[in-house]
Amino acid sequence: MPVIPDILLDDVAARFALLGDPTRLRVVRALHEAGECTVGETAEAAGTSVANASQHLQRLTGGGITARRRDGQAVRYRIVDETIEQLCAIVCGSVAAGRAAGAAETVTD
């Protein structure tokens, strides 16, 4: 794995912190599955309130992960950071493999 230069560590930590919230990950999943969503659609898909989804979308947009566009009176959000899908696939795959290994160890113990 390449070494992360000190100058980037704070930014890298901020990106992981941004994705470290389960509700924000549900919001990201909703946007990934739908492509584009309003705040209300995102809230419903993520199982949270509109106000909460709006706050999370603001943070994701501020972090450069999502962007918004006006569509008449609605505002639609989408993922703009192309690396997010890859990152989530890697981390989710690792977590799933760890759970499967842990379950296999429990069965053989």
N, C-alpha and C. Protein backbone atom coordinates (compact mmCIF):
# COMPACT_ATOMS: atom_id res chain seq x y z
N MET A 1 0.84 -1.17 0.00
CA MET A 1 0.00 0.00 0.00
C MET A 1 0.89 1.23 0.00
N PRO A 2 0.57 2.21 -0.84
CA PRO A 2 1.39 3.43 -0.85
C PRO A 2 1.27 4.17 0.47
N VAL A 3 2.34 4.81 0.84
CA VAL A 3 2.35 5.62 2.06
C VAL A 3 1.63 6.93 1.77
N ILE A 4 0.78 7.33 2.69
CA ILE A 4 0.04 8.59 2.54
C ILE A 4 0.91 9.72 3.06
N PRO A 5 1.20 10.72 2.24
CA PRO A 5 2.01 11.84 2.70
C PRO A 5 1.31 12.59 3.84
N ASP A 6 2.09 13.10 4.77
CA ASP A 6 1.54 13.83 5.92
C ASP A 6 0.59 14.95 5.50
N ILE A 7 0.87 15.59 4.40
CA ILE A 7 0.06 16.72 3.96
C ILE A 7 -1.38 16.29 3.63
N LEU A 8 -1.60 15.01 3.31
CA LEU A 8 -2.92 14.51 2.95
C LEU A 8 -3.66 13.82 4.09
N LEU A 9 -2.98 13.53 5.19
CA LEU A 9 -3.60 12.75 6.26
C LEU A 9 -4.88 13.36 6.81
N ASP A 10 -4.90 14.65 7.03
CA ASP A 10 -6.11 15.28 7.56
C ASP A 10 -7.28 15.15 6.58
N ASP A 11 -7.00 15.32 5.29
CA ASP A 11 -8.05 15.19 4.29
C ASP A 11 -8.55 13.75 4.19
N VAL A 12 -7.64 12.80 4.26
CA VAL A 12 -8.02 11.39 4.21
C VAL A 12 -8.87 11.03 5.43
N ALA A 13 -8.44 11.49 6.60
CA ALA A 13 -9.21 11.22 7.82
C ALA A 13 -10.60 11.85 7.73
N ALA A 14 -10.70 13.04 7.17
CA ALA A 14 -12.00 13.70 7.03
C ALA A 14 -12.90 12.92 6.08
N ARG A 15 -12.35 12.36 5.03
CA ARG A 15 -13.15 11.57 4.08
C ARG A 15 -13.68 10.31 4.77
N PHE A 16 -12.82 9.63 5.52
CA PHE A 16 -13.28 8.43 6.23
C PHE A 16 -14.30 8.80 7.31
N ALA A 17 -14.11 9.90 7.97
CA ALA A 17 -15.08 10.35 8.99
C ALA A 17 -16.42 10.65 8.35
N LEU A 18 -16.39 11.26 7.18
CA LEU A 18 -17.62 11.58 6.47
C LEU A 18 -18.40 10.32 6.12
N LEU A 19 -17.69 9.26 5.79
CA LEU A 19 -18.33 8.00 5.44
C LEU A 19 -18.49 7.08 6.64
N GLY A 20 -18.12 7.54 7.82
CA GLY A 20 -18.17 6.71 9.01
C GLY A 20 -19.50 6.73 9.74
N ASP A 21 -20.51 7.35 9.17
CA ASP A 21 -21.81 7.43 9.80
C ASP A 21 -22.78 6.49 9.08
N PRO A 22 -23.45 5.59 9.81
CA PRO A 22 -24.35 4.63 9.15
C PRO A 22 -25.48 5.29 8.35
N THR A 23 -26.02 6.38 8.84
CA THR A 23 -27.09 7.04 8.09
C THR A 23 -26.56 7.63 6.80
N ARG A 24 -25.36 8.22 6.86
CA ARG A 24 -24.78 8.77 5.62
C ARG A 24 -24.51 7.64 4.63
N LEU A 25 -24.10 6.47 5.12
CA LEU A 25 -23.89 5.35 4.22
C LEU A 25 -25.20 4.89 3.60
N ARG A 26 -26.29 4.95 4.36
CA ARG A 26 -27.61 4.63 3.79
C ARG A 26 -27.99 5.65 2.72
N VAL A 27 -27.67 6.90 2.95
CA VAL A 27 -27.93 7.96 1.96
C VAL A 27 -27.11 7.70 0.70
N VAL A 28 -25.84 7.36 0.86
CA VAL A 28 -24.98 7.06 -0.28
C VAL A 28 -25.53 5.85 -1.04
N ARG A 29 -25.96 4.83 -0.31
CA ARG A 29 -26.53 3.64 -0.96
C ARG A 29 -27.78 4.01 -1.76
N ALA A 30 -28.64 4.83 -1.17
CA ALA A 30 -29.87 5.25 -1.86
C ALA A 30 -29.53 5.98 -3.16
N LEU A 31 -28.56 6.87 -3.10
CA LEU A 31 -28.17 7.62 -4.30
C LEU A 31 -27.51 6.69 -5.32
N HIS A 32 -26.73 5.76 -4.84
CA HIS A 32 -26.09 4.81 -5.75
C HIS A 32 -27.13 3.97 -6.48
N GLU A 33 -28.13 3.51 -5.75
CA GLU A 33 -29.15 2.65 -6.35
C GLU A 33 -30.07 3.43 -7.30
N ALA A 34 -30.41 4.66 -6.94
CA ALA A 34 -31.36 5.44 -7.74
C ALA A 34 -30.69 6.31 -8.80
N GLY A 35 -29.45 6.65 -8.59
CA GLY A 35 -28.76 7.56 -9.50
C GLY A 35 -28.92 9.01 -9.08
N GLU A 36 -30.15 9.42 -8.88
CA GLU A 36 -30.45 10.79 -8.45
C GLU A 36 -31.72 10.74 -7.60
N CYS A 37 -31.74 11.53 -6.55
CA CYS A 37 -32.90 11.55 -5.65
C CYS A 37 -33.13 12.95 -5.11
N THR A 38 -34.38 13.24 -4.80
CA THR A 38 -34.68 14.43 -4.01
C THR A 38 -34.38 14.10 -2.55
N VAL A 39 -34.42 15.11 -1.71
CA VAL A 39 -34.20 14.87 -0.29
C VAL A 39 -35.26 13.91 0.26
N GLY A 40 -36.51 14.12 -0.13
CA GLY A 40 -37.59 13.26 0.35
C GLY A 40 -37.41 11.81 -0.08
N GLU A 41 -37.03 11.60 -1.33
CA GLU A 41 -36.79 10.24 -1.82
C GLU A 41 -35.61 9.60 -1.10
N THR A 42 -34.59 10.40 -0.87
CA THR A 42 -33.41 9.90 -0.15
C THR A 42 -33.78 9.53 1.28
N ALA A 43 -34.54 10.39 1.93
CA ALA A 43 -34.96 10.12 3.31
C ALA A 43 -35.74 8.82 3.40
N GLU A 44 -36.68 8.64 2.49
CA GLU A 44 -37.49 7.42 2.50
C GLU A 44 -36.63 6.18 2.29
N ALA A 45 -35.74 6.23 1.31
CA ALA A 45 -34.88 5.09 1.01
C ALA A 45 -33.90 4.80 2.14
N ALA A 46 -33.45 5.85 2.84
CA ALA A 46 -32.48 5.68 3.92
C ALA A 46 -33.14 5.41 5.26
N GLY A 47 -34.46 5.52 5.30
CA GLY A 47 -35.18 5.26 6.55
C GLY A 47 -34.95 6.33 7.61
N THR A 48 -34.92 7.57 7.19
CA THR A 48 -34.69 8.67 8.12
C THR A 48 -35.65 9.81 7.78
N SER A 49 -35.61 10.86 8.58
CA SER A 49 -36.47 12.01 8.33
C SER A 49 -35.89 12.86 7.20
N VAL A 50 -36.74 13.69 6.63
CA VAL A 50 -36.29 14.60 5.58
C VAL A 50 -35.24 15.57 6.12
N ALA A 51 -35.45 16.08 7.32
CA ALA A 51 -34.49 17.02 7.92
C ALA A 51 -33.13 16.34 8.13
N ASN A 52 -33.15 15.10 8.60
CA ASN A 52 -31.90 14.38 8.84
C ASN A 52 -31.21 14.08 7.51
N ALA A 53 -31.96 13.62 6.52
CA ALA A 53 -31.38 13.34 5.20
C ALA A 53 -30.78 14.61 4.61
N SER A 54 -31.46 15.73 4.77
CA SER A 54 -30.97 17.00 4.26
C SER A 54 -29.63 17.38 4.89
N GLN A 55 -29.51 17.19 6.19
CA GLN A 55 -28.24 17.49 6.87
C GLN A 55 -27.12 16.60 6.36
N HIS A 56 -27.41 15.32 6.18
CA HIS A 56 -26.38 14.40 5.70
C HIS A 56 -26.00 14.72 4.25
N LEU A 57 -26.98 15.06 3.44
CA LEU A 57 -26.68 15.43 2.06
C LEU A 57 -25.84 16.70 1.99
N GLN A 58 -26.10 17.65 2.87
CA GLN A 58 -25.27 18.87 2.92
C GLN A 58 -23.82 18.52 3.25
N ARG A 59 -23.63 17.62 4.21
CA ARG A 59 -22.26 17.23 4.57
C ARG A 59 -21.58 16.49 3.42
N LEU A 60 -22.31 15.58 2.78
CA LEU A 60 -21.74 14.84 1.65
C LEU A 60 -21.41 15.77 0.49
N THR A 61 -22.26 16.76 0.26
CA THR A 61 -22.01 17.73 -0.80
C THR A 61 -20.81 18.61 -0.44
N GLY A 62 -20.74 19.05 0.81
CA GLY A 62 -19.59 19.83 1.26
C GLY A 62 -18.29 19.07 1.16
N GLY A 63 -18.36 17.75 1.30
CA GLY A 63 -17.18 16.91 1.21
C GLY A 63 -16.84 16.48 -0.21
N GLY A 64 -17.63 16.93 -1.18
CA GLY A 64 -17.34 16.63 -2.58
C GLY A 64 -17.79 15.25 -3.03
N ILE A 65 -18.59 14.57 -2.23
CA ILE A 65 -19.05 13.23 -2.60
C ILE A 65 -20.32 13.30 -3.44
N THR A 66 -21.20 14.25 -3.10
CA THR A 66 -22.43 14.42 -3.87
C THR A 66 -22.49 15.83 -4.43
N ALA A 67 -23.41 16.01 -5.37
CA ALA A 67 -23.69 17.34 -5.92
C ALA A 67 -25.21 17.43 -6.07
N ARG A 68 -25.67 18.65 -6.20
CA ARG A 68 -27.11 18.86 -6.35
C ARG A 68 -27.36 19.69 -7.60
N ARG A 69 -28.58 19.52 -8.12
CA ARG A 69 -29.02 20.34 -9.25
C ARG A 69 -30.49 20.63 -9.06
N ARG A 70 -30.89 21.79 -9.50
CA ARG A 70 -32.29 22.19 -9.41
C ARG A 70 -33.04 21.58 -10.59
N ASP A 71 -34.19 21.00 -10.29
CA ASP A 71 -35.07 20.41 -11.29
C ASP A 71 -36.46 20.98 -11.04
N GLY A 72 -36.75 22.15 -11.63
CA GLY A 72 -37.98 22.86 -11.32
C GLY A 72 -37.90 23.37 -9.89
N GLN A 73 -38.86 22.97 -9.06
CA GLN A 73 -38.82 23.37 -7.66
C GLN A 73 -38.06 22.37 -6.79
N ALA A 74 -37.77 21.21 -7.34
CA ALA A 74 -37.06 20.17 -6.58
C ALA A 74 -35.55 20.33 -6.73
N VAL A 75 -34.84 19.83 -5.73
CA VAL A 75 -33.39 19.74 -5.80
C VAL A 75 -33.05 18.26 -5.80
N ARG A 76 -32.27 17.84 -6.79
CA ARG A 76 -31.91 16.44 -6.92
C ARG A 76 -30.43 16.27 -6.61
N TYR A 77 -30.11 15.21 -5.89
CA TYR A 77 -28.73 14.91 -5.48
C TYR A 77 -28.25 13.67 -6.21
N ARG A 78 -26.94 13.63 -6.45
CA ARG A 78 -26.30 12.48 -7.09
C ARG A 78 -24.88 12.36 -6.58
N ILE A 79 -24.31 11.19 -6.68
CA ILE A 79 -22.92 10.97 -6.31
C ILE A 79 -22.05 11.48 -7.46
N VAL A 80 -21.04 12.28 -7.13
CA VAL A 80 -20.14 12.80 -8.16
C VAL A 80 -18.71 12.28 -7.99
N ASP A 81 -18.40 11.77 -6.82
CA ASP A 81 -17.07 11.21 -6.60
C ASP A 81 -17.09 9.76 -7.06
N GLU A 82 -16.45 9.49 -8.17
CA GLU A 82 -16.49 8.16 -8.78
C GLU A 82 -15.78 7.10 -7.94
N THR A 83 -14.96 7.49 -7.01
CA THR A 83 -14.23 6.50 -6.20
C THR A 83 -15.07 5.94 -5.06
N ILE A 84 -16.18 6.58 -4.74
CA ILE A 84 -17.00 6.15 -3.60
C ILE A 84 -17.53 4.74 -3.81
N GLU A 85 -18.01 4.42 -5.00
CA GLU A 85 -18.53 3.08 -5.26
C GLU A 85 -17.43 2.03 -5.06
N GLN A 86 -16.24 2.31 -5.56
CA GLN A 86 -15.12 1.37 -5.41
C GLN A 86 -14.74 1.21 -3.95
N LEU A 87 -14.67 2.33 -3.23
CA LEU A 87 -14.30 2.29 -1.82
C LEU A 87 -15.31 1.49 -1.02
N CYS A 88 -16.59 1.75 -1.26
CA CYS A 88 -17.64 1.02 -0.55
C CYS A 88 -17.60 -0.47 -0.88
N ALA A 89 -17.36 -0.81 -2.14
CA ALA A 89 -17.28 -2.22 -2.53
C ALA A 89 -16.13 -2.92 -1.82
N ILE A 90 -14.99 -2.26 -1.73
CA ILE A 90 -13.83 -2.84 -1.05
C ILE A 90 -14.11 -3.05 0.43
N VAL A 91 -14.60 -2.01 1.08
CA VAL A 91 -14.85 -2.09 2.52
C VAL A 91 -15.97 -3.08 2.83
N CYS A 92 -17.07 -3.01 2.08
CA CYS A 92 -18.18 -3.94 2.32
C CYS A 92 -17.75 -5.38 2.07
N GLY A 93 -16.96 -5.61 1.03
CA GLY A 93 -16.45 -6.95 0.75
C GLY A 93 -15.57 -7.46 1.87
N SER A 94 -14.74 -6.59 2.41
CA SER A 94 -13.86 -6.96 3.52
C SER A 94 -14.66 -7.29 4.77
N VAL A 95 -15.67 -6.47 5.07
CA VAL A 95 -16.51 -6.70 6.25
C VAL A 95 -17.28 -8.02 6.10
N ALA A 96 -17.84 -8.26 4.91
CA ALA A 96 -18.59 -9.49 4.66
C ALA A 96 -17.69 -10.71 4.78
N ALA A 97 -16.48 -10.62 4.25
CA ALA A 97 -15.54 -11.73 4.35
C ALA A 97 -15.15 -11.98 5.81
N GLY A 98 -14.95 -10.91 6.56
CA GLY A 98 -14.62 -11.06 7.98
C GLY A 98 -15.76 -11.70 8.76
N ARG A 99 -16.98 -11.32 8.46
CA ARG A 99 -18.14 -11.94 9.12
C ARG A 99 -18.25 -13.41 8.76
N ALA A 100 -18.03 -13.73 7.49
CA ALA A 100 -18.11 -15.12 7.06
C ALA A 100 -17.03 -15.96 7.73
N ALA A 101 -15.83 -15.40 7.84
CA ALA A 101 -14.74 -16.12 8.50
C ALA A 101 -15.05 -16.31 9.98
N GLY A 102 -15.60 -15.27 10.62
CA GLY A 102 -15.97 -15.37 12.02
C GLY A 102 -17.06 -16.40 12.25
N ALA A 103 -18.02 -16.46 11.34
CA ALA A 103 -19.10 -17.45 11.45
C ALA A 103 -18.54 -18.85 11.25
N ALA A 104 -17.60 -19.00 10.34
CA ALA A 104 -17.00 -20.32 10.10
C ALA A 104 -16.21 -20.76 11.31
N GLU A 105 -15.50 -19.84 11.97
CA GLU A 105 -14.74 -20.18 13.17
C GLU A 105 -15.65 -20.60 14.30
N THR A 106 -16.78 -19.94 14.41
CA THR A 106 -17.74 -20.26 15.47
C THR A 106 -18.29 -21.67 15.27
N VAL A 107 -18.54 -22.05 14.03
CA VAL A 107 -19.10 -23.36 13.73
C VAL A 107 -18.08 -24.46 14.02
N THR A 108 -16.79 -24.19 13.73
CA THR A 108 -15.76 -25.21 13.92
C THR A 108 -15.23 -25.28 15.34
N ASP A 109 -15.55 -24.30 16.18
CA ASP A 109 -15.04 -24.31 17.55
C ASP A 109 -15.71 -25.33 18.41
